[in-house]
Amino acid sequence: MVIAELLGKDCSMKRLLTSLFVGIVPLAGIVATPSLAKAAEAKELTSCGHVFLTADSSCEFRRDQDCTETCEVVSVDESCAASLYTSCETNCTAEASASCTETCSPVCVEECTVATAAPSSEDICKDECLSNCADRCSSAQNPECCEKACPYTCNKKCKERCHNDDQNVECEPKCATACTGTCTAEASSTCQVDCQTTQWESCQTTVHERCTTSCEDKGGAIFCDGQFINASNLEDCAADLSAQISITLDVNVDIDTHIDTNGNSKSESVSCALNPASSSGTALWMVGAVAGAALIRRRRQTR
């Protein structure tokens, strides 16, 4: 499901890491819980507007009128969080503070040392940062915006600063990486939430318009978990969904028309499969070309 649903339980760094590492509870049993499993499995789909999705997401491609009607009521929160993150990033350059990493690292190392199995530094970073979003957003100026912007920033920063394949790295260097990621993500989240809040309403309007434009110019749009996916190229997004989280979508757009192609006063069905990235103008040109070819053929047959 979309990662914004991962807002976790309110807990301190020590409580979180204890739940991750404590020797009497195998990690395999912990990561099987919904919140931790989804955080660990989240994938950023760069060709789908940079949204984060997990393998249990539900996605579909809607065409024509169905697409347009969906755009009127669909949520665009995830697309706004992704696009506004990029626009706010130039001003949100906060790094991890020494006091934050100094508090985090010893606890992380202590718990990691006695663990029967350990998560990656990215897992640790995400889980801690996401769990703190709940408190931050409960008192935010725009809680709806915060509940998207905060988790999105956690996922982006933890992905950038940490690793998802360092489970077997020694605790001290791994925790140094994880805590730098966590503290950077939390510092950046404050700025991102404030910045995105000022643009949230206008983004909602803009992205809804993009949804309708996609239906009209590309013949349809992709929707996942009730959210519009702001993909610039539908085929690339479909390929990303397939490669990253094994979701297969058919985004081809078929145009059916009836033309007398044989000159026998009977119309035949002609179907054209269009690239979803094509514009509506291209679609009309192709239909016109088919009709023109049929007219030429009829004239030849009547001579």
C-alpha atoms as a PDB file:
ATOM      1  CA  MET A   1       0.000   0.000   0.000  1.00  0.00           C
ATOM      2  CA  VAL A   2       1.092   3.601  -0.275  1.00  0.00           C
ATOM      3  CA  ILE A   3       3.737   4.373   2.315  1.00  0.00           C
ATOM      4  CA  ALA A   4       1.864   7.243   3.923  1.00  0.00           C
ATOM      5  CA  GLU A   5      -0.129   4.560   5.726  1.00  0.00           C
ATOM      6  CA  LEU A   6       3.046   3.623   7.615  1.00  0.00           C
ATOM      7  CA  LEU A   7       2.777   6.300  10.287  1.00  0.00           C
ATOM      8  CA  GLY A   8       3.887   4.227  13.190  1.00  0.00           C
ATOM      9  CA  LYS A   9       3.526   3.937  16.896  1.00  0.00           C
ATOM     10  CA  ASP A  10       4.892   6.655  19.113  1.00  0.00           C
ATOM     11  CA  CYS A  11       8.145   5.375  20.569  1.00  0.00           C
ATOM     12  CA  SER A  12      11.591   6.556  21.514  1.00  0.00           C
ATOM     13  CA  MET A  13      14.756   5.427  19.741  1.00  0.00           C
ATOM     14  CA  LYS A  14      15.472   2.985  22.537  1.00  0.00           C
ATOM     15  CA  ARG A  15      12.022   1.398  22.405  1.00  0.00           C
ATOM     16  CA  LEU A  16      12.190   1.093  18.617  1.00  0.00           C
ATOM     17  CA  LEU A  17      15.633  -0.444  18.511  1.00  0.00           C
ATOM     18  CA  THR A  18      14.788  -2.751  21.376  1.00  0.00           C
ATOM     19  CA  SER A  19      11.865  -4.094  19.361  1.00  0.00           C
ATOM     20  CA  LEU A  20      14.131  -4.505  16.360  1.00  0.00           C
ATOM     21  CA  PHE A  21      17.091  -6.125  18.028  1.00  0.00           C
ATOM     22  CA  VAL A  22      16.104  -7.726  21.324  1.00  0.00           C
ATOM     23  CA  GLY A  23      17.478 -11.236  21.424  1.00  0.00           C
ATOM     24  CA  ILE A  24      14.427 -12.941  22.885  1.00  0.00           C
ATOM     25  CA  VAL A  25      12.265 -11.910  19.915  1.00  0.00           C
ATOM     26  CA  PRO A  26      13.553 -13.116  16.532  1.00  0.00           C
ATOM     27  CA  LEU A  27      13.735 -10.316  13.990  1.00  0.00           C
ATOM     28  CA  ALA A  28      11.965 -12.478  11.412  1.00  0.00           C
ATOM     29  CA  GLY A  29       8.902 -12.385  13.606  1.00  0.00           C
ATOM     30  CA  ILE A  30       9.103  -8.634  13.996  1.00  0.00           C
ATOM     31  CA  VAL A  31       9.491  -7.675  10.347  1.00  0.00           C
ATOM     32  CA  ALA A  32       6.481  -9.810   9.532  1.00  0.00           C
ATOM     33  CA  THR A  33       4.278  -7.210  11.241  1.00  0.00           C
ATOM     34  CA  PRO A  34       2.542  -4.914   8.731  1.00  0.00           C
ATOM     35  CA  SER A  35       4.245  -1.578   9.539  1.00  0.00           C
ATOM     36  CA  LEU A  36       7.823  -2.856   9.596  1.00  0.00           C
ATOM     37  CA  ALA A  37       7.357  -5.169   6.624  1.00  0.00           C
ATOM     38  CA  LYS A  38       5.937  -2.384   4.480  1.00  0.00           C
ATOM     39  CA  ALA A  39       8.706   0.016   5.454  1.00  0.00           C
ATOM     40  CA  ALA A  40      11.324  -2.550   4.505  1.00  0.00           C
ATOM     41  CA  GLU A  41       9.680  -3.442   1.201  1.00  0.00           C
ATOM     42  CA  ALA A  42       8.858   0.064  -0.036  1.00  0.00           C
ATOM     43  CA  LYS A  43      10.185   0.858  -3.487  1.00  0.00           C
ATOM     44  CA  GLU A  44      10.559   4.248  -5.108  1.00  0.00           C
ATOM     45  CA  LEU A  45       9.166   4.188  -8.625  1.00  0.00           C
ATOM     46  CA  THR A  46      11.108   6.885 -10.432  1.00  0.00           C
ATOM     47  CA  SER A  47       9.088   6.555 -13.645  1.00  0.00           C
ATOM     48  CA  CYS A  48       5.808   6.880 -11.752  1.00  0.00           C
ATOM     49  CA  GLY A  49       6.358  10.351 -10.383  1.00  0.00           C
ATOM     50  CA  HIS A  50       8.799   9.097  -7.694  1.00  0.00           C
ATOM     51  CA  VAL A  51       6.044   7.740  -5.447  1.00  0.00           C
ATOM     52  CA  PHE A  52       6.779   4.960  -2.963  1.00  0.00           C
ATOM     53  CA  LEU A  53       4.698   1.781  -3.274  1.00  0.00           C
ATOM     54  CA  THR A  54       4.840  -1.750  -1.894  1.00  0.00           C
ATOM     55  CA  ALA A  55       4.113  -5.074  -3.545  1.00  0.00           C
ATOM     56  CA  ASP A  56       0.625  -5.281  -2.050  1.00  0.00           C
ATOM     57  CA  SER A  57      -0.458  -2.060  -3.768  1.00  0.00           C
ATOM     58  CA  SER A  58      -3.469  -2.233  -6.063  1.00  0.00           C
ATOM     59  CA  CYS A  59      -2.972  -0.466  -9.390  1.00  0.00           C
ATOM     60  CA  GLU A  60      -5.087  -0.061 -12.520  1.00  0.00           C
ATOM     61  CA  PHE A  61      -5.123   1.810 -15.820  1.00  0.00           C
ATOM     62  CA  ARG A  62      -8.351   3.639 -16.558  1.00  0.00           C
ATOM     63  CA  ARG A  63      -9.324   4.918 -19.984  1.00  0.00           C
ATOM     64  CA  ASP A  64     -11.593   7.521 -21.567  1.00  0.00           C
ATOM     65  CA  GLN A  65     -14.638   8.706 -19.601  1.00  0.00           C
ATOM     66  CA  ASP A  66     -13.921   6.363 -16.702  1.00  0.00           C
ATOM     67  CA  CYS A  67     -10.505   7.990 -16.385  1.00  0.00           C
ATOM     68  CA  THR A  68     -11.900  11.531 -16.482  1.00  0.00           C
ATOM     69  CA  GLU A  69     -14.559  10.781 -13.888  1.00  0.00           C
ATOM     70  CA  THR A  70     -11.994   9.174 -11.600  1.00  0.00           C
ATOM     71  CA  CYS A  71      -9.819  12.290 -11.805  1.00  0.00           C
ATOM     72  CA  GLU A  72     -12.649  14.348 -10.335  1.00  0.00           C
ATOM     73  CA  VAL A  73     -12.679  12.406  -7.074  1.00  0.00           C
ATOM     74  CA  VAL A  74      -9.290  10.687  -6.811  1.00  0.00           C
ATOM     75  CA  SER A  75      -6.705  11.644  -4.188  1.00  0.00           C
ATOM     76  CA  VAL A  76      -3.526  13.309  -5.427  1.00  0.00           C
ATOM     77  CA  ASP A  77      -1.782  13.493  -2.044  1.00  0.00           C
ATOM     78  CA  GLU A  78       1.028  11.069  -2.865  1.00  0.00           C
ATOM     79  CA  SER A  79       1.816  12.813  -6.156  1.00  0.00           C
ATOM     80  CA  CYS A  80       1.872  16.175  -4.399  1.00  0.00           C
ATOM     81  CA  ALA A  81       4.192  14.895  -1.683  1.00  0.00           C
ATOM     82  CA  ALA A  82       6.579  13.617  -4.350  1.00  0.00           C
ATOM     83  CA  SER A  83       6.540  16.723  -6.539  1.00  0.00           C
ATOM     84  CA  LEU A  84       6.678  19.204  -3.650  1.00  0.00           C
ATOM     85  CA  TYR A  85       9.561  17.291  -2.063  1.00  0.00           C
ATOM     86  CA  THR A  86      11.628  18.062  -5.149  1.00  0.00           C
ATOM     87  CA  SER A  87      10.673  21.733  -5.260  1.00  0.00           C
ATOM     88  CA  CYS A  88      11.341  22.191  -1.518  1.00  0.00           C
ATOM     89  CA  GLU A  89      14.591  20.233  -1.492  1.00  0.00           C
ATOM     90  CA  THR A  90      16.755  23.205  -2.554  1.00  0.00           C
ATOM     91  CA  ASN A  91      15.835  24.999   0.667  1.00  0.00           C
ATOM     92  CA  CYS A  92      15.687  21.951   2.946  1.00  0.00           C
ATOM     93  CA  THR A  93      19.362  21.112   3.324  1.00  0.00           C
ATOM     94  CA  ALA A  94      19.541  20.325   7.046  1.00  0.00           C
ATOM     95  CA  GLU A  95      22.033  17.656   8.069  1.00  0.00           C
ATOM     96  CA  ALA A  96      22.178  15.361  11.089  1.00  0.00           C
ATOM     97  CA  SER A  97      23.094  17.189  14.288  1.00  0.00           C
ATOM     98  CA  ALA A  98      25.874  15.882  16.483  1.00  0.00           C
ATOM     99  CA  SER A  99      23.565  15.704  19.489  1.00  0.00           C
ATOM    100  CA  CYS A 100      21.088  13.539  17.579  1.00  0.00           C
ATOM    101  CA  THR A 101      23.629  11.026  16.312  1.00  0.00           C
ATOM    102  CA  GLU A 102      25.392  10.910  19.702  1.00  0.00           C
ATOM    103  CA  THR A 103      22.107   9.972  21.360  1.00  0.00           C
ATOM    104  CA  CYS A 104      21.123   7.475  18.698  1.00  0.00           C
ATOM    105  CA  SER A 105      24.324   5.541  18.058  1.00  0.00           C
ATOM    106  CA  PRO A 106      25.061   4.057  21.511  1.00  0.00           C
ATOM    107  CA  VAL A 107      21.513   2.721  21.866  1.00  0.00           C
ATOM    108  CA  CYS A 108      21.600   1.274  18.373  1.00  0.00           C
ATOM    109  CA  VAL A 109      24.957  -0.439  18.911  1.00  0.00           C
ATOM    110  CA  GLU A 110      23.919  -1.835  22.294  1.00  0.00           C
ATOM    111  CA  GLU A 111      20.778  -3.441  20.936  1.00  0.00           C
ATOM    112  CA  CYS A 112      22.428  -4.560  17.692  1.00  0.00           C
ATOM    113  CA  THR A 113      25.139  -6.400  19.591  1.00  0.00           C
ATOM    114  CA  VAL A 114      22.673  -8.766  21.283  1.00  0.00           C
ATOM    115  CA  ALA A 115      20.396  -9.277  18.298  1.00  0.00           C
ATOM    116  CA  THR A 116      19.810 -12.752  16.891  1.00  0.00           C
ATOM    117  CA  ALA A 117      19.242 -11.204  13.474  1.00  0.00           C
ATOM    118  CA  ALA A 118      19.565  -7.624  12.355  1.00  0.00           C
ATOM    119  CA  PRO A 119      17.857  -5.323   9.870  1.00  0.00           C
ATOM    120  CA  SER A 120      19.683  -3.168   7.377  1.00  0.00           C
ATOM    121  CA  SER A 121      20.695   0.385   8.173  1.00  0.00           C
ATOM    122  CA  GLU A 122      17.912   1.553   5.851  1.00  0.00           C
ATOM    123  CA  ASP A 123      15.338  -0.454   7.818  1.00  0.00           C
ATOM    124  CA  ILE A 124      16.501   1.062  11.111  1.00  0.00           C
ATOM    125  CA  CYS A 125      16.479   4.558   9.626  1.00  0.00           C
ATOM    126  CA  LYS A 126      12.999   4.241   8.134  1.00  0.00           C
ATOM    127  CA  ASP A 127      11.383   2.679  11.176  1.00  0.00           C
ATOM    128  CA  GLU A 128      12.668   5.321  13.569  1.00  0.00           C
ATOM    129  CA  CYS A 129      11.901   8.269  11.314  1.00  0.00           C
ATOM    130  CA  LEU A 130       8.420   7.016  10.379  1.00  0.00           C
ATOM    131  CA  SER A 131       7.510   6.360  14.002  1.00  0.00           C
ATOM    132  CA  ASN A 132       8.256  10.001  14.842  1.00  0.00           C
ATOM    133  CA  CYS A 133       5.976  11.306  12.083  1.00  0.00           C
ATOM    134  CA  ALA A 134       2.889  10.539  14.176  1.00  0.00           C
ATOM    135  CA  ASP A 135       3.851  13.033  16.891  1.00  0.00           C
ATOM    136  CA  ARG A 136       5.015  15.631  14.408  1.00  0.00           C
ATOM    137  CA  CYS A 137       1.818  15.518  12.369  1.00  0.00           C
ATOM    138  CA  SER A 138      -0.621  15.483  15.283  1.00  0.00           C
ATOM    139  CA  SER A 139       0.154  19.140  15.935  1.00  0.00           C
ATOM    140  CA  ALA A 140       0.993  20.223  12.375  1.00  0.00           C
ATOM    141  CA  GLN A 141      -0.609  23.253  10.744  1.00  0.00           C
ATOM    142  CA  ASN A 142      -1.942  20.987   7.978  1.00  0.00           C
ATOM    143  CA  PRO A 143      -2.045  17.400   9.288  1.00  0.00           C
ATOM    144  CA  GLU A 144      -3.152  16.023   5.894  1.00  0.00           C
ATOM    145  CA  CYS A 145      -0.076  17.469   4.213  1.00  0.00           C
ATOM    146  CA  CYS A 146       2.217  16.410   7.049  1.00  0.00           C
ATOM    147  CA  GLU A 147       0.953  12.815   6.973  1.00  0.00           C
ATOM    148  CA  LYS A 148       2.225  12.571   3.384  1.00  0.00           C
ATOM    149  CA  ALA A 149       5.263  14.862   3.445  1.00  0.00           C
ATOM    150  CA  CYS A 150       6.846  13.434   6.581  1.00  0.00           C
ATOM    151  CA  PRO A 151       6.828   9.734   5.585  1.00  0.00           C
ATOM    152  CA  TYR A 152       7.900  10.605   2.056  1.00  0.00           C
ATOM    153  CA  THR A 153      10.914  12.520   3.381  1.00  0.00           C
ATOM    154  CA  CYS A 154      11.813   9.627   5.703  1.00  0.00           C
ATOM    155  CA  ASN A 155      11.810   7.185   2.819  1.00  0.00           C
ATOM    156  CA  LYS A 156      13.798   9.452   0.502  1.00  0.00           C
ATOM    157  CA  LYS A 157      16.494  10.395   2.992  1.00  0.00           C
ATOM    158  CA  CYS A 158      16.895   6.890   4.408  1.00  0.00           C
ATOM    159  CA  LYS A 159      17.218   5.509   0.901  1.00  0.00           C
ATOM    160  CA  GLU A 160      19.836   8.129   0.034  1.00  0.00           C
ATOM    161  CA  ARG A 161      21.891   7.886   3.226  1.00  0.00           C
ATOM    162  CA  CYS A 162      21.627   4.209   4.153  1.00  0.00           C
ATOM    163  CA  HIS A 163      21.890   0.709   2.654  1.00  0.00           C
ATOM    164  CA  ASN A 164      19.405  -2.114   2.267  1.00  0.00           C
ATOM    165  CA  ASP A 165      22.017  -4.865   1.999  1.00  0.00           C
ATOM    166  CA  ASP A 166      24.234  -4.319   5.055  1.00  0.00           C
ATOM    167  CA  GLN A 167      22.532  -6.682   7.490  1.00  0.00           C
ATOM    168  CA  ASN A 168      25.836  -8.503   8.054  1.00  0.00           C
ATOM    169  CA  VAL A 169      27.923  -5.382   8.614  1.00  0.00           C
ATOM    170  CA  GLU A 170      29.284  -4.929  12.143  1.00  0.00           C
ATOM    171  CA  CYS A 171      27.011  -3.035  14.481  1.00  0.00           C
ATOM    172  CA  GLU A 172      29.095   0.080  15.075  1.00  0.00           C
ATOM    173  CA  PRO A 173      29.569   1.182  11.447  1.00  0.00           C
ATOM    174  CA  LYS A 174      26.050   0.089  10.515  1.00  0.00           C
ATOM    175  CA  CYS A 175      24.513   2.055  13.363  1.00  0.00           C
ATOM    176  CA  ALA A 176      26.624   5.089  12.472  1.00  0.00           C
ATOM    177  CA  THR A 177      25.112   4.962   8.994  1.00  0.00           C
ATOM    178  CA  ALA A 178      21.583   4.350  10.248  1.00  0.00           C
ATOM    179  CA  CYS A 179      21.686   7.131  12.823  1.00  0.00           C
ATOM    180  CA  THR A 180      23.116   9.642  10.350  1.00  0.00           C
ATOM    181  CA  GLY A 181      20.266   8.774   8.015  1.00  0.00           C
ATOM    182  CA  THR A 182      17.625   8.974  10.737  1.00  0.00           C
ATOM    183  CA  CYS A 183      18.839  12.299  12.120  1.00  0.00           C
ATOM    184  CA  THR A 184      19.183  13.810   8.646  1.00  0.00           C
ATOM    185  CA  ALA A 185      15.716  12.606   7.687  1.00  0.00           C
ATOM    186  CA  GLU A 186      14.133  14.010  10.823  1.00  0.00           C
ATOM    187  CA  ALA A 187      15.863  17.381  10.418  1.00  0.00           C
ATOM    188  CA  SER A 188      14.824  17.569   6.788  1.00  0.00           C
ATOM    189  CA  SER A 189      11.248  16.489   7.573  1.00  0.00           C
ATOM    190  CA  THR A 190      10.625  19.603   9.646  1.00  0.00           C
ATOM    191  CA  CYS A 191      11.624  21.847   6.757  1.00  0.00           C
ATOM    192  CA  GLN A 192       9.796  19.760   4.164  1.00  0.00           C
ATOM    193  CA  VAL A 193       6.532  19.766   6.092  1.00  0.00           C
ATOM    194  CA  ASP A 194       6.668  23.551   6.566  1.00  0.00           C
ATOM    195  CA  CYS A 195       7.565  24.160   2.922  1.00  0.00           C
ATOM    196  CA  GLN A 196       5.019  21.776   1.448  1.00  0.00           C
ATOM    197  CA  THR A 197       2.232  23.122   3.651  1.00  0.00           C
ATOM    198  CA  THR A 198       2.439  26.527   1.940  1.00  0.00           C
ATOM    199  CA  GLN A 199       1.987  24.915  -1.500  1.00  0.00           C
ATOM    200  CA  TRP A 200      -0.321  22.018  -0.664  1.00  0.00           C
ATOM    201  CA  GLU A 201      -3.646  23.486  -1.807  1.00  0.00           C
ATOM    202  CA  SER A 202      -2.316  24.816  -5.119  1.00  0.00           C
ATOM    203  CA  CYS A 203      -0.619  21.475  -5.800  1.00  0.00           C
ATOM    204  CA  GLN A 204      -3.914  19.660  -5.300  1.00  0.00           C
ATOM    205  CA  THR A 205      -5.519  21.773  -8.009  1.00  0.00           C
ATOM    206  CA  THR A 206      -2.580  21.454 -10.398  1.00  0.00           C
ATOM    207  CA  VAL A 207      -2.253  17.679 -10.124  1.00  0.00           C
ATOM    208  CA  HIS A 208      -5.991  17.117 -10.536  1.00  0.00           C
ATOM    209  CA  GLU A 209      -5.699  19.064 -13.788  1.00  0.00           C
ATOM    210  CA  ARG A 210      -2.755  16.879 -14.840  1.00  0.00           C
ATOM    211  CA  CYS A 211      -4.875  13.818 -14.184  1.00  0.00           C
ATOM    212  CA  THR A 212      -7.592  15.051 -16.539  1.00  0.00           C
ATOM    213  CA  THR A 213      -4.978  16.035 -19.120  1.00  0.00           C
ATOM    214  CA  SER A 214      -3.511  12.538 -18.997  1.00  0.00           C
ATOM    215  CA  CYS A 215      -6.938  11.069 -19.715  1.00  0.00           C
ATOM    216  CA  GLU A 216      -7.446  13.358 -22.690  1.00  0.00           C
ATOM    217  CA  ASP A 217      -3.949  13.473 -24.207  1.00  0.00           C
ATOM    218  CA  LYS A 218      -2.646  10.000 -23.365  1.00  0.00           C
ATOM    219  CA  GLY A 219      -5.929   8.099 -23.435  1.00  0.00           C
ATOM    220  CA  GLY A 220      -5.865   7.187 -19.765  1.00  0.00           C
ATOM    221  CA  ALA A 221      -4.062   7.359 -16.428  1.00  0.00           C
ATOM    222  CA  ILE A 222      -2.636   5.017 -13.802  1.00  0.00           C
ATOM    223  CA  PHE A 223      -4.161   4.863 -10.320  1.00  0.00           C
ATOM    224  CA  CYS A 224      -2.754   2.995  -7.307  1.00  0.00           C
ATOM    225  CA  ASP A 225      -4.469   2.596  -3.946  1.00  0.00           C
ATOM    226  CA  GLY A 226      -6.950   5.341  -4.767  1.00  0.00           C
ATOM    227  CA  GLN A 227      -4.185   7.752  -5.766  1.00  0.00           C
ATOM    228  CA  PHE A 228      -3.469   9.319  -9.163  1.00  0.00           C
ATOM    229  CA  ILE A 229       0.042   8.410 -10.315  1.00  0.00           C
ATOM    230  CA  ASN A 230       1.554  11.453 -11.995  1.00  0.00           C
ATOM    231  CA  ALA A 231       3.625   9.621 -14.603  1.00  0.00           C
ATOM    232  CA  SER A 232       5.031  11.573 -17.544  1.00  0.00           C
ATOM    233  CA  ASN A 233       5.246   8.393 -19.633  1.00  0.00           C
ATOM    234  CA  LEU A 234       2.685   5.660 -19.009  1.00  0.00           C
ATOM    235  CA  GLU A 235       4.684   2.862 -20.626  1.00  0.00           C
ATOM    236  CA  ASP A 236       7.756   3.657 -18.533  1.00  0.00           C
ATOM    237  CA  CYS A 237       5.657   3.732 -15.367  1.00  0.00           C
ATOM    238  CA  ALA A 238       4.043   0.390 -16.246  1.00  0.00           C
ATOM    239  CA  ALA A 239       7.509  -1.082 -16.808  1.00  0.00           C
ATOM    240  CA  ASP A 240       8.665   0.285 -13.446  1.00  0.00           C
ATOM    241  CA  LEU A 241       5.654  -1.205 -11.674  1.00  0.00           C
ATOM    242  CA  SER A 242       6.419  -4.577 -13.229  1.00  0.00           C
ATOM    243  CA  ALA A 243      10.138  -4.503 -12.433  1.00  0.00           C
ATOM    244  CA  GLN A 244       9.953  -3.074  -8.919  1.00  0.00           C
ATOM    245  CA  ILE A 245       6.823  -4.567  -7.346  1.00  0.00           C
ATOM    246  CA  SER A 246       5.593  -7.161  -9.886  1.00  0.00           C
ATOM    247  CA  ILE A 247       2.408  -5.335 -10.882  1.00  0.00           C
ATOM    248  CA  THR A 248       1.448  -5.765 -14.535  1.00  0.00           C
ATOM    249  CA  LEU A 249      -0.662  -3.167 -16.322  1.00  0.00           C
ATOM    250  CA  ASP A 250      -1.774  -2.941 -19.949  1.00  0.00           C
ATOM    251  CA  VAL A 251      -1.590   0.757 -20.823  1.00  0.00           C
ATOM    252  CA  ASN A 252      -2.214   0.435 -24.562  1.00  0.00           C
ATOM    253  CA  VAL A 253      -5.026   2.575 -25.871  1.00  0.00           C
ATOM    254  CA  ASP A 254      -7.232   1.142 -28.644  1.00  0.00           C
ATOM    255  CA  ILE A 255      -9.245   3.378 -30.951  1.00  0.00           C
ATOM    256  CA  ASP A 256     -12.070   1.616 -32.758  1.00  0.00           C
ATOM    257  CA  THR A 257     -13.856   3.140 -35.731  1.00  0.00           C
ATOM    258  CA  HIS A 258     -16.025   1.861 -38.563  1.00  0.00           C
ATOM    259  CA  ILE A 259     -15.039   2.702 -42.137  1.00  0.00           C
ATOM    260  CA  ASP A 260     -16.083   1.350 -45.543  1.00  0.00           C
ATOM    261  CA  THR A 261     -12.661   0.019 -46.538  1.00  0.00           C
ATOM    262  CA  ASN A 262     -13.850  -2.310 -49.322  1.00  0.00           C
ATOM    263  CA  GLY A 263     -16.085   0.056 -51.271  1.00  0.00           C
ATOM    264  CA  ASN A 264     -19.097  -2.235 -50.802  1.00  0.00           C
ATOM    265  CA  SER A 265     -21.189   0.244 -48.797  1.00  0.00           C
ATOM    266  CA  LYS A 266     -20.557  -1.830 -45.665  1.00  0.00           C
ATOM    267  CA  SER A 267     -18.509  -0.520 -42.783  1.00  0.00           C
ATOM    268  CA  GLU A 268     -15.701  -2.554 -41.303  1.00  0.00           C
ATOM    269  CA  SER A 269     -14.238  -2.181 -37.818  1.00  0.00           C
ATOM    270  CA  VAL A 270     -10.743  -0.705 -37.755  1.00  0.00           C
ATOM    271  CA  SER A 271      -8.754  -0.769 -34.510  1.00  0.00           C
ATOM    272  CA  CYS A 272      -5.560   1.179 -33.846  1.00  0.00           C
ATOM    273  CA  ALA A 273      -3.394   0.512 -30.818  1.00  0.00           C
ATOM    274  CA  LEU A 274      -1.734   3.756 -29.751  1.00  0.00           C
ATOM    275  CA  ASN A 275       1.276   4.417 -27.587  1.00  0.00           C
ATOM    276  CA  PRO A 276      -0.136   5.891 -24.358  1.00  0.00           C
ATOM    277  CA  ALA A 277       2.453   8.655 -24.544  1.00  0.00           C
ATOM    278  CA  SER A 278       0.911   9.850 -27.806  1.00  0.00           C
ATOM    279  CA  SER A 279      -1.151  13.012 -27.809  1.00  0.00           C
ATOM    280  CA  SER A 280      -4.785  13.199 -28.791  1.00  0.00           C
ATOM    281  CA  GLY A 281      -3.683  15.040 -31.928  1.00  0.00           C
ATOM    282  CA  THR A 282      -1.665  12.023 -32.990  1.00  0.00           C
ATOM    283  CA  ALA A 283      -4.639   9.778 -32.371  1.00  0.00           C
ATOM    284  CA  LEU A 284      -6.846  11.915 -34.599  1.00  0.00           C
ATOM    285  CA  TRP A 285      -4.180  11.989 -37.302  1.00  0.00           C
ATOM    286  CA  MET A 286      -4.024   8.194 -37.363  1.00  0.00           C
ATOM    287  CA  VAL A 287      -7.803   7.850 -37.646  1.00  0.00           C
ATOM    288  CA  GLY A 288      -7.804  10.419 -40.420  1.00  0.00           C
ATOM    289  CA  ALA A 289      -5.081   8.530 -42.252  1.00  0.00           C
ATOM    290  CA  VAL A 290      -7.095   5.315 -42.128  1.00  0.00           C
ATOM    291  CA  ALA A 291     -10.190   7.093 -43.406  1.00  0.00           C
ATOM    292  CA  GLY A 292      -8.202   8.743 -46.178  1.00  0.00           C
ATOM    293  CA  ALA A 293      -6.765   5.432 -47.317  1.00  0.00           C
ATOM    294  CA  ALA A 294     -10.238   3.935 -47.438  1.00  0.00           C
ATOM    295  CA  LEU A 295     -11.545   6.851 -49.542  1.00  0.00           C
ATOM    296  CA  ILE A 296      -8.726   6.475 -52.072  1.00  0.00           C
ATOM    297  CA  ARG A 297      -9.423   2.767 -52.348  1.00  0.00           C
ATOM    298  CA  ARG A 298     -13.117   3.350 -53.018  1.00  0.00           C
ATOM    299  CA  ARG A 299     -12.371   5.877 -55.759  1.00  0.00           C
ATOM    300  CA  ARG A 300     -10.063   3.429 -57.507  1.00  0.00           C
ATOM    301  CA  GLN A 301     -12.668   0.684 -57.357  1.00  0.00           C
ATOM    302  CA  THR A 302     -15.360   2.884 -58.944  1.00  0.00           C
ATOM    303  CA  ARG A 303     -13.263   3.748 -62.008  1.00  0.00           C
END
